[in-house]
Amino acid sequence: QVSLVESGGGLVQPGGSLRLSCAASGNIFSILSMAWYRQAPGKQRELVASTTNDGETSYKDSVKGRFTISTDNYRFLFLQMNNLQPEDTAVYYCNARHPISNDWGQGTQVTVSS
């Protein structure tokens, strides 16, 4: 099991930027991949971006070119978010995928509003 703690959320105006961080501790050696998910009010949780430790990444279509995911050997996970839009408003969750389980952080709120 891995403990995940997110930080970096906040209120930002449209067009602004935020950098989310996720600190992982515990059995990080069993992690296969890490990801950022988000959940907006009244909507299902959705995958935003994922990465493996060898640099293989994938992104939700609506964030391609604006968001960048990166990891430091699964000890930290980052999400650089540029040109934020109101539709990016959500609680963002850090996820660590293991062979037979998933770990989640508590979430960090991102609000994009003028």
N, C-alpha and C. Protein backbone atom coordinates (compact mmCIF):
# COMPACT_ATOMS: atom_id res chain seq x y z
N GLN A 1 0.85 -1.20 0.00
CA GLN A 1 0.00 0.00 0.00
C GLN A 1 0.88 1.25 0.00
N VAL A 2 0.38 2.27 -0.69
CA VAL A 2 1.11 3.53 -0.79
C VAL A 2 0.23 4.66 -0.29
N SER A 3 0.81 5.55 0.49
CA SER A 3 0.11 6.76 0.94
C SER A 3 0.39 7.88 -0.06
N LEU A 4 -0.66 8.56 -0.48
CA LEU A 4 -0.54 9.62 -1.48
C LEU A 4 -1.10 10.91 -0.90
N VAL A 5 -0.33 11.99 -0.98
CA VAL A 5 -0.77 13.29 -0.46
C VAL A 5 -0.60 14.33 -1.55
N GLU A 6 -1.73 14.90 -1.98
CA GLU A 6 -1.71 15.92 -3.03
C GLU A 6 -1.58 17.32 -2.44
N SER A 7 -1.06 18.22 -3.25
CA SER A 7 -1.00 19.64 -2.89
C SER A 7 -0.94 20.46 -4.17
N GLY A 8 -1.15 21.76 -4.03
CA GLY A 8 -1.00 22.66 -5.17
C GLY A 8 -2.27 23.17 -5.78
N GLY A 9 -3.41 22.70 -5.31
CA GLY A 9 -4.67 23.20 -5.85
C GLY A 9 -4.94 24.63 -5.40
N GLY A 10 -6.00 25.21 -5.95
CA GLY A 10 -6.36 26.56 -5.56
C GLY A 10 -7.29 27.20 -6.55
N LEU A 11 -7.45 28.51 -6.39
CA LEU A 11 -8.31 29.31 -7.27
C LEU A 11 -7.44 30.05 -8.27
N VAL A 12 -7.80 29.96 -9.54
CA VAL A 12 -7.02 30.62 -10.58
C VAL A 12 -7.97 31.16 -11.64
N GLN A 13 -7.58 32.24 -12.27
CA GLN A 13 -8.40 32.82 -13.33
C GLN A 13 -8.24 32.04 -14.63
N PRO A 14 -9.22 32.09 -15.50
CA PRO A 14 -9.07 31.44 -16.81
C PRO A 14 -7.80 31.91 -17.52
N GLY A 15 -7.10 30.95 -18.10
CA GLY A 15 -5.82 31.23 -18.74
C GLY A 15 -4.63 31.10 -17.82
N GLY A 16 -4.89 30.92 -16.54
CA GLY A 16 -3.81 30.80 -15.57
C GLY A 16 -3.22 29.40 -15.49
N SER A 17 -2.27 29.24 -14.59
CA SER A 17 -1.55 27.97 -14.44
C SER A 17 -1.51 27.54 -12.98
N LEU A 18 -1.45 26.23 -12.79
CA LEU A 18 -1.22 25.62 -11.48
C LEU A 18 -0.35 24.39 -11.67
N ARG A 19 0.38 24.05 -10.62
CA ARG A 19 1.18 22.83 -10.62
C ARG A 19 0.76 21.99 -9.43
N LEU A 20 0.21 20.83 -9.71
CA LEU A 20 -0.18 19.90 -8.65
C LEU A 20 0.97 18.96 -8.34
N SER A 21 1.09 18.63 -7.08
CA SER A 21 2.11 17.67 -6.64
C SER A 21 1.45 16.56 -5.84
N CYS A 22 2.05 15.39 -5.90
CA CYS A 22 1.58 14.25 -5.12
C CYS A 22 2.80 13.54 -4.56
N ALA A 23 2.87 13.45 -3.24
CA ALA A 23 3.97 12.77 -2.58
C ALA A 23 3.55 11.36 -2.21
N ALA A 24 4.35 10.38 -2.63
CA ALA A 24 4.04 8.98 -2.37
C ALA A 24 4.99 8.41 -1.33
N SER A 25 4.46 7.62 -0.42
CA SER A 25 5.30 6.95 0.57
C SER A 25 4.74 5.55 0.81
N GLY A 26 5.63 4.64 1.23
CA GLY A 26 5.22 3.26 1.45
C GLY A 26 5.83 2.36 0.39
N ASN A 27 5.06 1.37 -0.06
CA ASN A 27 5.56 0.37 -1.00
C ASN A 27 5.49 0.87 -2.45
N ILE A 28 6.31 1.89 -2.76
CA ILE A 28 6.27 2.46 -4.11
C ILE A 28 6.88 1.51 -5.14
N PHE A 29 7.60 0.47 -4.68
CA PHE A 29 8.28 -0.41 -5.62
C PHE A 29 7.32 -1.32 -6.38
N SER A 30 6.08 -1.43 -5.90
CA SER A 30 5.10 -2.25 -6.62
C SER A 30 4.23 -1.43 -7.57
N ILE A 31 4.49 -0.13 -7.65
CA ILE A 31 3.67 0.73 -8.53
C ILE A 31 3.98 0.43 -10.00
N LEU A 32 2.95 0.25 -10.79
CA LEU A 32 3.09 0.03 -12.23
C LEU A 32 2.96 1.33 -13.02
N SER A 33 2.09 2.20 -12.56
CA SER A 33 1.89 3.48 -13.20
C SER A 33 1.21 4.42 -12.22
N MET A 34 1.26 5.72 -12.51
CA MET A 34 0.57 6.72 -11.69
C MET A 34 -0.24 7.62 -12.60
N ALA A 35 -1.24 8.25 -12.00
CA ALA A 35 -2.15 9.04 -12.82
C ALA A 35 -2.79 10.14 -11.99
N TRP A 36 -3.33 11.11 -12.70
CA TRP A 36 -4.20 12.13 -12.13
C TRP A 36 -5.61 11.91 -12.66
N TYR A 37 -6.55 11.88 -11.75
CA TYR A 37 -7.97 11.85 -12.08
C TYR A 37 -8.60 13.14 -11.56
N ARG A 38 -9.79 13.43 -12.04
CA ARG A 38 -10.53 14.57 -11.50
C ARG A 38 -12.02 14.24 -11.46
N GLN A 39 -12.70 14.92 -10.55
CA GLN A 39 -14.14 14.73 -10.42
C GLN A 39 -14.79 16.08 -10.19
N ALA A 40 -15.62 16.48 -11.13
CA ALA A 40 -16.37 17.73 -11.02
C ALA A 40 -17.70 17.44 -10.33
N PRO A 41 -18.32 18.45 -9.73
CA PRO A 41 -19.61 18.24 -9.04
C PRO A 41 -20.65 17.62 -9.96
N GLY A 42 -21.28 16.55 -9.50
CA GLY A 42 -22.32 15.89 -10.28
C GLY A 42 -21.83 15.03 -11.42
N LYS A 43 -20.51 14.86 -11.52
CA LYS A 43 -19.96 14.06 -12.63
C LYS A 43 -19.13 12.91 -12.09
N GLN A 44 -18.89 11.94 -12.96
CA GLN A 44 -18.07 10.81 -12.57
C GLN A 44 -16.59 11.19 -12.58
N ARG A 45 -15.82 10.47 -11.80
CA ARG A 45 -14.37 10.68 -11.80
C ARG A 45 -13.83 10.26 -13.16
N GLU A 46 -12.92 11.06 -13.71
CA GLU A 46 -12.36 10.77 -15.01
C GLU A 46 -10.84 10.85 -15.00
N LEU A 47 -10.24 10.06 -15.88
CA LEU A 47 -8.79 10.05 -16.02
C LEU A 47 -8.34 11.28 -16.79
N VAL A 48 -7.38 12.00 -16.23
CA VAL A 48 -6.84 13.20 -16.86
C VAL A 48 -5.53 12.88 -17.58
N ALA A 49 -4.62 12.22 -16.89
CA ALA A 49 -3.32 11.90 -17.47
C ALA A 49 -2.69 10.78 -16.67
N SER A 50 -1.87 9.98 -17.34
CA SER A 50 -1.18 8.90 -16.67
C SER A 50 0.26 8.82 -17.17
N THR A 51 1.11 8.19 -16.36
CA THR A 51 2.51 8.04 -16.75
C THR A 51 3.11 6.80 -16.14
N THR A 52 4.09 6.23 -16.84
CA THR A 52 4.92 5.18 -16.26
C THR A 52 6.28 5.77 -15.93
N ASN A 53 7.07 5.03 -15.20
CA ASN A 53 8.36 5.56 -14.76
C ASN A 53 9.36 5.68 -15.92
N ASP A 54 9.07 5.00 -17.03
CA ASP A 54 9.98 5.13 -18.18
C ASP A 54 9.51 6.21 -19.15
N GLY A 55 8.54 7.02 -18.69
CA GLY A 55 8.16 8.18 -19.47
C GLY A 55 7.01 8.03 -20.43
N GLU A 56 6.36 6.88 -20.44
CA GLU A 56 5.20 6.70 -21.31
C GLU A 56 4.01 7.43 -20.70
N THR A 57 3.44 8.37 -21.44
CA THR A 57 2.35 9.18 -20.93
C THR A 57 1.13 9.11 -21.83
N SER A 58 -0.02 9.41 -21.24
CA SER A 58 -1.25 9.55 -22.02
C SER A 58 -2.10 10.63 -21.37
N TYR A 59 -2.95 11.28 -22.21
CA TYR A 59 -3.73 12.41 -21.75
C TYR A 59 -5.16 12.34 -22.26
N LYS A 60 -6.06 12.86 -21.47
CA LYS A 60 -7.43 13.08 -21.93
C LYS A 60 -7.35 14.11 -23.05
N ASP A 61 -8.16 13.91 -24.09
CA ASP A 61 -8.06 14.78 -25.27
C ASP A 61 -8.17 16.26 -24.93
N SER A 62 -9.06 16.61 -24.03
CA SER A 62 -9.32 18.03 -23.75
C SER A 62 -8.18 18.73 -23.03
N VAL A 63 -7.21 17.99 -22.52
CA VAL A 63 -6.09 18.63 -21.81
C VAL A 63 -4.78 18.52 -22.58
N LYS A 64 -4.80 17.81 -23.70
CA LYS A 64 -3.57 17.67 -24.50
C LYS A 64 -3.06 19.04 -24.93
N GLY A 65 -1.76 19.25 -24.76
CA GLY A 65 -1.17 20.53 -25.12
C GLY A 65 -1.24 21.57 -24.02
N ARG A 66 -2.04 21.30 -22.99
CA ARG A 66 -2.15 22.25 -21.87
C ARG A 66 -1.60 21.68 -20.57
N PHE A 67 -1.75 20.38 -20.36
CA PHE A 67 -1.31 19.73 -19.13
C PHE A 67 -0.10 18.84 -19.42
N THR A 68 0.80 18.75 -18.45
CA THR A 68 1.96 17.86 -18.57
C THR A 68 2.12 17.09 -17.27
N ILE A 69 2.15 15.76 -17.39
CA ILE A 69 2.34 14.89 -16.23
C ILE A 69 3.79 14.43 -16.18
N SER A 70 4.31 14.32 -14.97
CA SER A 70 5.67 13.82 -14.81
C SER A 70 5.80 13.16 -13.44
N THR A 71 6.81 12.31 -13.32
CA THR A 71 7.06 11.63 -12.05
C THR A 71 8.55 11.55 -11.77
N ASP A 72 8.86 11.50 -10.48
CA ASP A 72 10.24 11.36 -10.02
C ASP A 72 10.36 9.98 -9.38
N ASN A 73 10.50 8.95 -10.26
CA ASN A 73 10.64 7.57 -9.78
C ASN A 73 9.49 7.15 -8.86
N TYR A 74 8.30 7.67 -9.14
CA TYR A 74 7.09 7.36 -8.39
C TYR A 74 7.13 7.85 -6.95
N ARG A 75 8.15 8.60 -6.57
CA ARG A 75 8.16 9.19 -5.23
C ARG A 75 7.32 10.47 -5.21
N PHE A 76 7.29 11.12 -6.37
CA PHE A 76 6.46 12.30 -6.55
C PHE A 76 5.79 12.22 -7.92
N LEU A 77 4.59 12.75 -7.97
CA LEU A 77 3.86 12.86 -9.23
C LEU A 77 3.46 14.32 -9.38
N PHE A 78 3.62 14.86 -10.59
CA PHE A 78 3.30 16.26 -10.83
C PHE A 78 2.32 16.39 -11.99
N LEU A 79 1.58 17.48 -11.96
CA LEU A 79 0.73 17.83 -13.09
C LEU A 79 0.83 19.33 -13.30
N GLN A 80 1.53 19.73 -14.35
CA GLN A 80 1.61 21.14 -14.73
C GLN A 80 0.40 21.45 -15.60
N MET A 81 -0.40 22.40 -15.15
CA MET A 81 -1.63 22.75 -15.86
C MET A 81 -1.55 24.20 -16.33
N ASN A 82 -1.54 24.38 -17.63
CA ASN A 82 -1.48 25.72 -18.22
C ASN A 82 -2.78 26.03 -18.95
N ASN A 83 -3.02 27.30 -19.19
CA ASN A 83 -4.22 27.75 -19.89
C ASN A 83 -5.47 27.09 -19.31
N LEU A 84 -5.60 27.17 -18.02
CA LEU A 84 -6.74 26.55 -17.35
C LEU A 84 -8.05 27.22 -17.75
N GLN A 85 -9.08 26.40 -17.85
CA GLN A 85 -10.39 26.86 -18.25
C GLN A 85 -11.43 26.49 -17.18
N PRO A 86 -12.56 27.17 -17.15
CA PRO A 86 -13.57 26.84 -16.13
C PRO A 86 -13.97 25.37 -16.12
N GLU A 87 -13.95 24.72 -17.25
CA GLU A 87 -14.33 23.31 -17.29
C GLU A 87 -13.28 22.39 -16.67
N ASP A 88 -12.13 22.95 -16.30
CA ASP A 88 -11.12 22.17 -15.58
C ASP A 88 -11.38 22.16 -14.07
N THR A 89 -12.37 22.92 -13.64
CA THR A 89 -12.70 22.95 -12.22
C THR A 89 -13.14 21.58 -11.73
N ALA A 90 -12.47 21.09 -10.69
CA ALA A 90 -12.76 19.76 -10.16
C ALA A 90 -11.87 19.49 -8.96
N VAL A 91 -12.15 18.41 -8.29
CA VAL A 91 -11.20 17.88 -7.30
C VAL A 91 -10.29 16.92 -8.06
N TYR A 92 -8.99 17.13 -7.91
CA TYR A 92 -8.00 16.33 -8.61
C TYR A 92 -7.39 15.31 -7.63
N TYR A 93 -7.35 14.05 -8.09
CA TYR A 93 -6.87 12.95 -7.26
C TYR A 93 -5.64 12.30 -7.87
N CYS A 94 -4.71 11.99 -7.03
CA CYS A 94 -3.53 11.23 -7.40
C CYS A 94 -3.84 9.74 -7.26
N ASN A 95 -3.38 8.95 -8.21
CA ASN A 95 -3.64 7.50 -8.21
C ASN A 95 -2.35 6.74 -8.48
N ALA A 96 -2.18 5.65 -7.74
CA ALA A 96 -1.07 4.73 -7.97
C ALA A 96 -1.64 3.35 -8.26
N ARG A 97 -1.25 2.80 -9.40
CA ARG A 97 -1.78 1.49 -9.79
C ARG A 97 -0.75 0.40 -9.51
N HIS A 98 -1.21 -0.64 -8.80
CA HIS A 98 -0.40 -1.81 -8.48
C HIS A 98 -0.96 -3.00 -9.29
N PRO A 99 -0.30 -4.15 -9.25
CA PRO A 99 -0.80 -5.30 -10.02
C PRO A 99 -2.25 -5.68 -9.73
N ILE A 100 -2.66 -5.58 -8.45
CA ILE A 100 -4.03 -6.00 -8.13
C ILE A 100 -4.77 -4.98 -7.29
N SER A 101 -4.28 -3.75 -7.23
CA SER A 101 -4.96 -2.76 -6.40
C SER A 101 -4.63 -1.35 -6.87
N ASN A 102 -5.36 -0.38 -6.33
CA ASN A 102 -5.11 1.02 -6.60
C ASN A 102 -5.08 1.79 -5.27
N ASP A 103 -4.24 2.79 -5.20
CA ASP A 103 -4.23 3.70 -4.06
C ASP A 103 -4.62 5.10 -4.53
N TRP A 104 -5.31 5.83 -3.65
CA TRP A 104 -5.80 7.16 -3.98
C TRP A 104 -5.40 8.17 -2.90
N GLY A 105 -5.16 9.39 -3.34
CA GLY A 105 -4.98 10.48 -2.40
C GLY A 105 -6.32 11.04 -1.98
N GLN A 106 -6.25 12.06 -1.13
CA GLN A 106 -7.49 12.65 -0.59
C GLN A 106 -8.09 13.69 -1.54
N GLY A 107 -7.31 14.13 -2.51
CA GLY A 107 -7.80 15.09 -3.49
C GLY A 107 -7.41 16.52 -3.15
N THR A 108 -7.30 17.33 -4.19
CA THR A 108 -7.03 18.76 -4.03
C THR A 108 -7.95 19.53 -4.98
N GLN A 109 -8.55 20.58 -4.48
CA GLN A 109 -9.54 21.33 -5.25
C GLN A 109 -8.86 22.31 -6.20
N VAL A 110 -9.27 22.28 -7.45
CA VAL A 110 -8.86 23.26 -8.46
C VAL A 110 -10.11 23.99 -8.92
N THR A 111 -10.11 25.30 -8.78
CA THR A 111 -11.24 26.12 -9.20
C THR A 111 -10.74 27.17 -10.18
N VAL A 112 -11.34 27.18 -11.37
CA VAL A 112 -10.97 28.14 -12.41
C VAL A 112 -12.15 29.08 -12.60
N SER A 113 -11.96 30.32 -12.20
CA SER A 113 -13.07 31.28 -12.24
C SER A 113 -12.53 32.70 -12.26
N SER A 114 -13.24 33.57 -12.94
CA SER A 114 -12.87 34.98 -12.94
C SER A 114 -13.62 35.73 -11.85
